[in-house]
């Protein structure tokens, strides 16, 4: 996965966490619309990206919700990947 796709995953995960907090009924549809609008991406491409990366987005959103600092977020991501703790 290239760096641009990784950045989109992180942005999408932040949007997903925000949608969950706001109790949005269809967070993946909202995220697809936002991605299309703010990343200048065709809607179909944005929705395919969101749906094909749904598990990664949910995992990263968990890391966001359970972190209080960038360092903690990085540690949570390592936990998701199965890396040993430092």
PDB file of N, CA and C in Angstrom:
ATOM      1  N   UNK A   1       0.853  -1.180   0.000  1.00  0.00           N
ATOM      2  CA  UNK A   1       0.000   0.000   0.000  1.00  0.00           C
ATOM      3  C   UNK A   1       0.895   1.239   0.000  1.00  0.00           C
ATOM      4  N   UNK A   2       0.595   2.163  -0.875  1.00  0.00           N
ATOM      5  CA  UNK A   2       1.427   3.362  -0.963  1.00  0.00           C
ATOM      6  C   UNK A   2       1.072   4.374   0.128  1.00  0.00           C
ATOM      7  N   UNK A   3       1.905   5.389   0.251  1.00  0.00           N
ATOM      8  CA  UNK A   3       1.723   6.388   1.318  1.00  0.00           C
ATOM      9  C   UNK A   3       0.411   7.150   1.189  1.00  0.00           C
ATOM     10  N   UNK A   4      -0.012   7.435  -0.048  1.00  0.00           N
ATOM     11  CA  UNK A   4      -1.280   8.153  -0.227  1.00  0.00           C
ATOM     12  C   UNK A   4      -2.448   7.328   0.292  1.00  0.00           C
ATOM     13  N   UNK A   5      -2.437   6.037   0.010  1.00  0.00           N
ATOM     14  CA  UNK A   5      -3.514   5.166   0.485  1.00  0.00           C
ATOM     15  C   UNK A   5      -3.485   5.077   2.011  1.00  0.00           C
ATOM     16  N   UNK A   6      -2.297   5.034   2.596  1.00  0.00           N
ATOM     17  CA  UNK A   6      -2.186   4.983   4.055  1.00  0.00           C
ATOM     18  C   UNK A   6      -2.746   6.256   4.679  1.00  0.00           C
ATOM     19  N   UNK A   7      -2.458   7.390   4.063  1.00  0.00           N
ATOM     20  CA  UNK A   7      -2.987   8.664   4.574  1.00  0.00           C
ATOM     21  C   UNK A   7      -4.507   8.679   4.499  1.00  0.00           C
ATOM     22  N   UNK A   8      -5.050   8.156   3.399  1.00  0.00           N
ATOM     23  CA  UNK A   8      -6.504   8.103   3.258  1.00  0.00           C
ATOM     24  C   UNK A   8      -7.120   7.162   4.300  1.00  0.00           C
ATOM     25  N   UNK A   9      -6.435   6.079   4.605  1.00  0.00           N
ATOM     26  CA  UNK A   9      -6.923   5.168   5.640  1.00  0.00           C
ATOM     27  C   UNK A   9      -6.999   5.863   6.995  1.00  0.00           C
ATOM     28  N   UNK A  10      -5.956   6.601   7.339  1.00  0.00           N
ATOM     29  CA  UNK A  10      -5.939   7.304   8.624  1.00  0.00           C
ATOM     30  C   UNK A  10      -7.040   8.367   8.662  1.00  0.00           C
ATOM     31  N   UNK A  11      -7.187   9.119   7.587  1.00  0.00           N
ATOM     32  CA  UNK A  11      -8.249  10.132   7.539  1.00  0.00           C
ATOM     33  C   UNK A  11      -9.618   9.475   7.654  1.00  0.00           C
ATOM     34  N   UNK A  12      -9.796   8.375   6.954  1.00  0.00           N
ATOM     35  CA  UNK A  12     -11.075   7.665   6.990  1.00  0.00           C
ATOM     36  C   UNK A  12     -11.357   7.126   8.383  1.00  0.00           C
ATOM     37  N   UNK A  13     -10.336   6.616   9.041  1.00  0.00           N
ATOM     38  CA  UNK A  13     -10.517   6.093  10.397  1.00  0.00           C
ATOM     39  C   UNK A  13     -10.903   7.206  11.365  1.00  0.00           C
ATOM     40  N   UNK A  14     -10.317   8.371  11.204  1.00  0.00           N
ATOM     41  CA  UNK A  14     -10.691   9.508  12.061  1.00  0.00           C
ATOM     42  C   UNK A  14     -12.143   9.895  11.811  1.00  0.00           C
ATOM     43  N   UNK A  15     -12.555   9.901  10.532  1.00  0.00           N
ATOM     44  CA  UNK A  15     -13.951  10.209  10.211  1.00  0.00           C
ATOM     45  C   UNK A  15     -14.882   9.159  10.798  1.00  0.00           C
ATOM     46  N   UNK A  16     -14.477   7.900  10.725  1.00  0.00           N
ATOM     47  CA  UNK A  16     -15.302   6.817  11.260  1.00  0.00           C
ATOM     48  C   UNK A  16     -15.468   6.968  12.769  1.00  0.00           C
ATOM     49  N   UNK A  17     -14.382   7.256  13.462  1.00  0.00           N
ATOM     50  CA  UNK A  17     -14.451   7.461  14.910  1.00  0.00           C
ATOM     51  C   UNK A  17     -15.378   8.633  15.241  1.00  0.00           C
ATOM     52  N   UNK A  18     -15.297   9.692  14.465  1.00  0.00           N
ATOM     53  CA  UNK A  18     -16.175  10.851  14.683  1.00  0.00           C
ATOM     54  C   UNK A  18     -17.627  10.485  14.418  1.00  0.00           C
ATOM     55  N   UNK A  19     -17.871   9.710  13.358  1.00  0.00           N
ATOM     56  CA  UNK A  19     -19.235   9.276  13.033  1.00  0.00           C
ATOM     57  C   UNK A  19     -19.805   8.396  14.144  1.00  0.00           C
ATOM     58  N   UNK A  20     -18.973   7.515  14.692  1.00  0.00           N
ATOM     59  CA  UNK A  20     -19.427   6.672  15.795  1.00  0.00           C
ATOM     60  C   UNK A  20     -19.797   7.518  17.007  1.00  0.00           C
ATOM     61  N   UNK A  21     -18.953   8.475  17.319  1.00  0.00           N
ATOM     62  CA  UNK A  21     -19.208   9.351  18.468  1.00  0.00           C
ATOM     63  C   UNK A  21     -20.506  10.129  18.275  1.00  0.00           C
ATOM     64  N   UNK A  22     -20.761  10.549  17.039  1.00  0.00           N
ATOM     65  CA  UNK A  22     -21.968  11.312  16.729  1.00  0.00           C
ATOM     66  C   UNK A  22     -23.181  10.414  16.461  1.00  0.00           C
ATOM     67  N   UNK A  23     -22.968   9.099  16.543  1.00  0.00           N
ATOM     68  CA  UNK A  23     -24.028   8.114  16.318  1.00  0.00           C
ATOM     69  C   UNK A  23     -24.682   8.267  14.948  1.00  0.00           C
ATOM     70  N   UNK A  24     -23.847   8.457  13.926  1.00  0.00           N
ATOM     71  CA  UNK A  24     -24.322   8.562  12.549  1.00  0.00           C
ATOM     72  C   UNK A  24     -24.847   7.193  12.118  1.00  0.00           C
ATOM     73  N   UNK A  25     -25.999   7.171  11.479  1.00  0.00           N
ATOM     74  CA  UNK A  25     -26.649   5.911  11.111  1.00  0.00           C
ATOM     75  C   UNK A  25     -25.860   5.108  10.074  1.00  0.00           C
ATOM     76  N   UNK A  26     -25.312   5.738   9.075  1.00  0.00           N
ATOM     77  CA  UNK A  26     -24.585   5.060   7.998  1.00  0.00           C
ATOM     78  C   UNK A  26     -23.183   5.665   7.857  1.00  0.00           C
ATOM     79  N   UNK A  27     -22.279   5.379   8.786  1.00  0.00           N
ATOM     80  CA  UNK A  27     -20.980   6.051   8.777  1.00  0.00           C
ATOM     81  C   UNK A  27     -20.147   5.793   7.515  1.00  0.00           C
ATOM     82  N   UNK A  28     -20.238   4.603   6.930  1.00  0.00           N
ATOM     83  CA  UNK A  28     -19.415   4.328   5.756  1.00  0.00           C
ATOM     84  C   UNK A  28     -19.889   5.112   4.539  1.00  0.00           C
ATOM     85  N   UNK A  29     -21.182   5.364   4.434  1.00  0.00           N
ATOM     86  CA  UNK A  29     -21.686   6.205   3.348  1.00  0.00           C
ATOM     87  C   UNK A  29     -21.233   7.648   3.539  1.00  0.00           C
ATOM     88  N   UNK A  30     -21.316   8.137   4.761  1.00  0.00           N
ATOM     89  CA  UNK A  30     -20.873   9.502   5.073  1.00  0.00           C
ATOM     90  C   UNK A  30     -19.388   9.649   4.775  1.00  0.00           C
ATOM     91  N   UNK A  31     -18.607   8.652   5.176  1.00  0.00           N
ATOM     92  CA  UNK A  31     -17.159   8.698   4.940  1.00  0.00           C
ATOM     93  C   UNK A  31     -16.852   8.703   3.457  1.00  0.00           C
ATOM     94  N   UNK A  32     -17.585   7.915   2.679  1.00  0.00           N
ATOM     95  CA  UNK A  32     -17.379   7.903   1.231  1.00  0.00           C
ATOM     96  C   UNK A  32     -17.660   9.259   0.615  1.00  0.00           C
ATOM     97  N   UNK A  33     -18.746   9.892   1.039  1.00  0.00           N
ATOM     98  CA  UNK A  33     -19.083  11.229   0.537  1.00  0.00           C
ATOM     99  C   UNK A  33     -18.009  12.245   0.921  1.00  0.00           C
ATOM    100  N   UNK A  34     -17.558  12.188   2.173  1.00  0.00           N
ATOM    101  CA  UNK A  34     -16.531  13.128   2.633  1.00  0.00           C
ATOM    102  C   UNK A  34     -15.220  12.907   1.888  1.00  0.00           C
ATOM    103  N   UNK A  35     -14.846  11.661   1.698  1.00  0.00           N
ATOM    104  CA  UNK A  35     -13.611  11.360   0.990  1.00  0.00           C
ATOM    105  C   UNK A  35     -13.683  11.886  -0.442  1.00  0.00           C
ATOM    106  N   UNK A  36     -14.811  11.668  -1.094  1.00  0.00           N
ATOM    107  CA  UNK A  36     -14.983  12.154  -2.465  1.00  0.00           C
ATOM    108  C   UNK A  36     -14.895  13.679  -2.515  1.00  0.00           C
ATOM    109  N   UNK A  37     -15.538  14.325  -1.559  1.00  0.00           N
ATOM    110  CA  UNK A  37     -15.580  15.792  -1.556  1.00  0.00           C
ATOM    111  C   UNK A  37     -14.238  16.418  -1.224  1.00  0.00           C
ATOM    112  N   UNK A  38     -13.595  15.925  -0.184  1.00  0.00           N
ATOM    113  CA  UNK A  38     -12.398  16.595   0.313  1.00  0.00           C
ATOM    114  C   UNK A  38     -11.103  16.098  -0.307  1.00  0.00           C
ATOM    115  N   UNK A  39     -11.134  14.938  -0.929  1.00  0.00           N
ATOM    116  CA  UNK A  39      -9.927  14.415  -1.575  1.00  0.00           C
ATOM    117  C   UNK A  39     -10.020  14.493  -3.093  1.00  0.00           C
ATOM    118  N   UNK A  40     -11.068  15.184  -3.583  1.00  0.00           N
ATOM    119  CA  UNK A  40     -11.260  15.364  -5.025  1.00  0.00           C
ATOM    120  C   UNK A  40     -11.176  14.020  -5.748  1.00  0.00           C
ATOM    121  N   UNK A  41     -12.020  13.104  -5.291  1.00  0.00           N
ATOM    122  CA  UNK A  41     -12.031  11.737  -5.786  1.00  0.00           C
ATOM    123  C   UNK A  41     -13.443  11.433  -6.301  1.00  0.00           C
ATOM    124  N   UNK A  42     -13.566  10.691  -7.394  1.00  0.00           N
ATOM    125  CA  UNK A  42     -14.908  10.301  -7.832  1.00  0.00           C
ATOM    126  C   UNK A  42     -15.629   9.517  -6.726  1.00  0.00           C
ATOM    127  N   UNK A  43     -16.918   9.738  -6.578  1.00  0.00           N
ATOM    128  CA  UNK A  43     -17.681   9.117  -5.501  1.00  0.00           C
ATOM    129  C   UNK A  43     -17.570   7.598  -5.535  1.00  0.00           C
ATOM    130  N   UNK A  44     -17.688   7.012  -6.689  1.00  0.00           N
ATOM    131  CA  UNK A  44     -17.606   5.549  -6.795  1.00  0.00           C
ATOM    132  C   UNK A  44     -16.254   5.046  -6.278  1.00  0.00           C
ATOM    133  N   UNK A  45     -15.192   5.724  -6.660  1.00  0.00           N
ATOM    134  CA  UNK A  45     -13.845   5.336  -6.216  1.00  0.00           C
ATOM    135  C   UNK A  45     -13.724   5.469  -4.697  1.00  0.00           C
ATOM    136  N   UNK A  46     -14.275   6.534  -4.136  1.00  0.00           N
ATOM    137  CA  UNK A  46     -14.221   6.744  -2.684  1.00  0.00           C
ATOM    138  C   UNK A  46     -14.991   5.653  -1.943  1.00  0.00           C
ATOM    139  N   UNK A  47     -16.173   5.309  -2.439  1.00  0.00           N
ATOM    140  CA  UNK A  47     -16.970   4.274  -1.791  1.00  0.00           C
ATOM    141  C   UNK A  47     -16.300   2.907  -1.882  1.00  0.00           C
ATOM    142  N   UNK A  48     -15.692   2.612  -3.017  1.00  0.00           N
ATOM    143  CA  UNK A  48     -14.972   1.342  -3.168  1.00  0.00           C
ATOM    144  C   UNK A  48     -13.792   1.304  -2.199  1.00  0.00           C
ATOM    145  N   UNK A  49     -13.065   2.411  -2.085  1.00  0.00           N
ATOM    146  CA  UNK A  49     -11.938   2.474  -1.156  1.00  0.00           C
ATOM    147  C   UNK A  49     -12.403   2.214   0.274  1.00  0.00           C
ATOM    148  N   UNK A  50     -13.473   2.896   0.679  1.00  0.00           N
ATOM    149  CA  UNK A  50     -13.994   2.762   2.038  1.00  0.00           C
ATOM    150  C   UNK A  50     -14.443   1.329   2.302  1.00  0.00           C
ATOM    151  N   UNK A  51     -15.225   0.774   1.417  1.00  0.00           N
ATOM    152  CA  UNK A  51     -15.763  -0.575   1.634  1.00  0.00           C
ATOM    153  C   UNK A  51     -14.682  -1.650   1.562  1.00  0.00           C
ATOM    154  N   UNK A  52     -13.703  -1.473   0.700  1.00  0.00           N
ATOM    155  CA  UNK A  52     -12.665  -2.500   0.580  1.00  0.00           C
ATOM    156  C   UNK A  52     -11.650  -2.428   1.727  1.00  0.00           C
ATOM    157  N   UNK A  53     -11.670  -1.340   2.470  1.00  0.00           N
ATOM    158  CA  UNK A  53     -10.762  -1.176   3.611  1.00  0.00           C
ATOM    159  C   UNK A  53     -11.520  -1.078   4.929  1.00  0.00           C
ATOM    160  N   UNK A  54     -12.728  -1.592   4.956  1.00  0.00           N
ATOM    161  CA  UNK A  54     -13.598  -1.433   6.123  1.00  0.00           C
ATOM    162  C   UNK A  54     -12.949  -1.952   7.403  1.00  0.00           C
ATOM    163  N   UNK A  55     -12.366  -3.135   7.383  1.00  0.00           N
ATOM    164  CA  UNK A  55     -11.772  -3.685   8.608  1.00  0.00           C
ATOM    165  C   UNK A  55     -10.584  -2.844   9.078  1.00  0.00           C
ATOM    166  N   UNK A  56      -9.736  -2.414   8.153  1.00  0.00           N
ATOM    167  CA  UNK A  56      -8.596  -1.563   8.521  1.00  0.00           C
ATOM    168  C   UNK A  56      -9.074  -0.254   9.136  1.00  0.00           C
ATOM    169  N   UNK A  57     -10.117   0.320   8.566  1.00  0.00           N
ATOM    170  CA  UNK A  57     -10.668   1.584   9.080  1.00  0.00           C
ATOM    171  C   UNK A  57     -11.221   1.382  10.485  1.00  0.00           C
ATOM    172  N   UNK A  58     -11.958   0.298  10.689  1.00  0.00           N
ATOM    173  CA  UNK A  58     -12.505   0.022  12.022  1.00  0.00           C
ATOM    174  C   UNK A  58     -11.382  -0.184  13.037  1.00  0.00           C
ATOM    175  N   UNK A  59     -10.330  -0.892  12.632  1.00  0.00           N
ATOM    176  CA  UNK A  59      -9.201  -1.124  13.534  1.00  0.00           C
ATOM    177  C   UNK A  59      -8.489   0.172  13.896  1.00  0.00           C
ATOM    178  N   UNK A  60      -8.240   1.012  12.894  1.00  0.00           N
ATOM    179  CA  UNK A  60      -7.568   2.285  13.157  1.00  0.00           C
ATOM    180  C   UNK A  60      -8.449   3.214  13.998  1.00  0.00           C
ATOM    181  N   UNK A  61      -9.745   3.173  13.763  1.00  0.00           N
ATOM    182  CA  UNK A  61     -10.658   3.992  14.583  1.00  0.00           C
ATOM    183  C   UNK A  61     -10.585   3.551  16.040  1.00  0.00           C
ATOM    184  N   UNK A  62     -10.490   2.240  16.275  1.00  0.00           N
ATOM    185  CA  UNK A  62     -10.320   1.733  17.641  1.00  0.00           C
ATOM    186  C   UNK A  62      -9.046   2.314  18.256  1.00  0.00           C
ATOM    187  N   UNK A  63      -7.971   2.336  17.471  1.00  0.00           N
ATOM    188  CA  UNK A  63      -6.703   2.886  17.964  1.00  0.00           C
ATOM    189  C   UNK A  63      -6.849   4.366  18.307  1.00  0.00           C
ATOM    190  N   UNK A  64      -7.560   5.125  17.474  1.00  0.00           N
ATOM    191  CA  UNK A  64      -7.794   6.549  17.771  1.00  0.00           C
ATOM    192  C   UNK A  64      -8.561   6.707  19.081  1.00  0.00           C
ATOM    193  N   UNK A  65      -9.637   5.931  19.235  1.00  0.00           N
ATOM    194  CA  UNK A  65     -10.492   6.080  20.419  1.00  0.00           C
ATOM    195  C   UNK A  65      -9.788   5.664  21.700  1.00  0.00           C
ATOM    196  N   UNK A  66      -8.773   4.826  21.591  1.00  0.00           N
ATOM    197  CA  UNK A  66      -8.090   4.312  22.770  1.00  0.00           C
ATOM    198  C   UNK A  66      -6.698   4.900  22.950  1.00  0.00           C
ATOM    199  N   UNK A  67      -6.491   6.078  22.408  1.00  0.00           N
ATOM    200  CA  UNK A  67      -5.194   6.748  22.511  1.00  0.00           C
ATOM    201  C   UNK A  67      -5.388   8.185  22.956  1.00  0.00           C
ATOM    202  N   UNK A  68      -4.452   8.643  23.770  1.00  0.00           N
ATOM    203  CA  UNK A  68      -4.499  10.027  24.235  1.00  0.00           C
ATOM    204  C   UNK A  68      -3.357  10.868  23.684  1.00  0.00           C
ATOM    205  N   UNK A  69      -2.518  10.258  22.854  1.00  0.00           N
ATOM    206  CA  UNK A  69      -1.384  10.980  22.280  1.00  0.00           C
ATOM    207  C   UNK A  69      -0.969  10.280  20.986  1.00  0.00           C
ATOM    208  N   UNK A  70      -0.193  10.965  20.160  1.00  0.00           N
ATOM    209  CA  UNK A  70       0.309  10.311  18.944  1.00  0.00           C
ATOM    210  C   UNK A  70       1.136   9.060  19.260  1.00  0.00           C
ATOM    211  N   UNK A  71       1.863   9.101  20.355  1.00  0.00           N
ATOM    212  CA  UNK A  71       2.679   7.951  20.737  1.00  0.00           C
ATOM    213  C   UNK A  71       1.799   6.759  21.108  1.00  0.00           C
ATOM    214  N   UNK A  72       0.737   7.036  21.842  1.00  0.00           N
ATOM    215  CA  UNK A  72      -0.186   5.964  22.198  1.00  0.00           C
ATOM    216  C   UNK A  72      -0.857   5.397  20.958  1.00  0.00           C
ATOM    217  N   UNK A  73      -1.230   6.277  20.023  1.00  0.00           N
ATOM    218  CA  UNK A  73      -1.840   5.821  18.778  1.00  0.00           C
ATOM    219  C   UNK A  73      -0.880   4.890  18.041  1.00  0.00           C
ATOM    220  N   UNK A  74       0.366   5.285  17.943  1.00  0.00           N
ATOM    221  CA  UNK A  74       1.371   4.457  17.279  1.00  0.00           C
ATOM    222  C   UNK A  74       1.489   3.096  17.965  1.00  0.00           C
ATOM    223  N   UNK A  75       1.458   3.080  19.288  1.00  0.00           N
ATOM    224  CA  UNK A  75       1.535   1.821  20.032  1.00  0.00           C
ATOM    225  C   UNK A  75       0.315   0.947  19.746  1.00  0.00           C
ATOM    226  N   UNK A  76      -0.860   1.560  19.703  1.00  0.00           N
ATOM    227  CA  UNK A  76      -2.088   0.801  19.412  1.00  0.00           C
ATOM    228  C   UNK A  76      -2.029   0.195  18.010  1.00  0.00           C
ATOM    229  N   UNK A  77      -1.505   0.943  17.051  1.00  0.00           N
ATOM    230  CA  UNK A  77      -1.382   0.425  15.685  1.00  0.00           C
ATOM    231  C   UNK A  77      -0.426  -0.761  15.669  1.00  0.00           C
ATOM    232  N   UNK A  78       0.657  -0.669  16.413  1.00  0.00           N
ATOM    233  CA  UNK A  78       1.587  -1.795  16.507  1.00  0.00           C
ATOM    234  C   UNK A  78       0.898  -3.010  17.114  1.00  0.00           C
ATOM    235  N   UNK A  79       0.056  -2.778  18.109  1.00  0.00           N
ATOM    236  CA  UNK A  79      -0.691  -3.884  18.716  1.00  0.00           C
ATOM    237  C   UNK A  79      -1.604  -4.537  17.684  1.00  0.00           C
ATOM    238  N   UNK A  80      -2.224  -3.724  16.848  1.00  0.00           N
ATOM    239  CA  UNK A  80      -3.097  -4.260  15.808  1.00  0.00           C
ATOM    240  C   UNK A  80      -2.323  -5.120  14.816  1.00  0.00           C
ATOM    241  N   UNK A  81      -1.127  -4.701  14.508  1.00  0.00           N
ATOM    242  CA  UNK A  81      -0.303  -5.427  13.546  1.00  0.00           C
ATOM    243  C   UNK A  81       0.372  -6.640  14.160  1.00  0.00           C
ATOM    244  N   UNK A  82       0.307  -6.759  15.478  1.00  0.00           N
ATOM    245  CA  UNK A  82       0.913  -7.891  16.146  1.00  0.00           C
ATOM    246  C   UNK A  82       2.391  -7.723  16.428  1.00  0.00           C
ATOM    247  N   UNK A  83       2.871  -6.476  16.369  1.00  0.00           N
ATOM    248  CA  UNK A  83       4.272  -6.218  16.696  1.00  0.00           C
ATOM    249  C   UNK A  83       4.470  -6.315  18.194  1.00  0.00           C
ATOM    250  N   UNK A  84       5.638  -6.734  18.628  1.00  0.00           N
ATOM    251  CA  UNK A  84       5.901  -6.758  20.071  1.00  0.00           C
ATOM    252  C   UNK A  84       5.964  -5.337  20.627  1.00  0.00           C
ATOM    253  N   UNK A  85       5.552  -5.198  21.861  1.00  0.00           N
ATOM    254  CA  UNK A  85       5.625  -3.878  22.522  1.00  0.00           C
ATOM    255  C   UNK A  85       7.065  -3.521  22.800  1.00  0.00           C
ATOM    256  N   UNK A  86       7.338  -2.222  22.754  1.00  0.00           N
ATOM    257  CA  UNK A  86       8.701  -1.753  23.035  1.00  0.00           C
ATOM    258  C   UNK A  86       8.800  -1.292  24.454  1.00  0.00           C
TER     259      UNK A  86
END
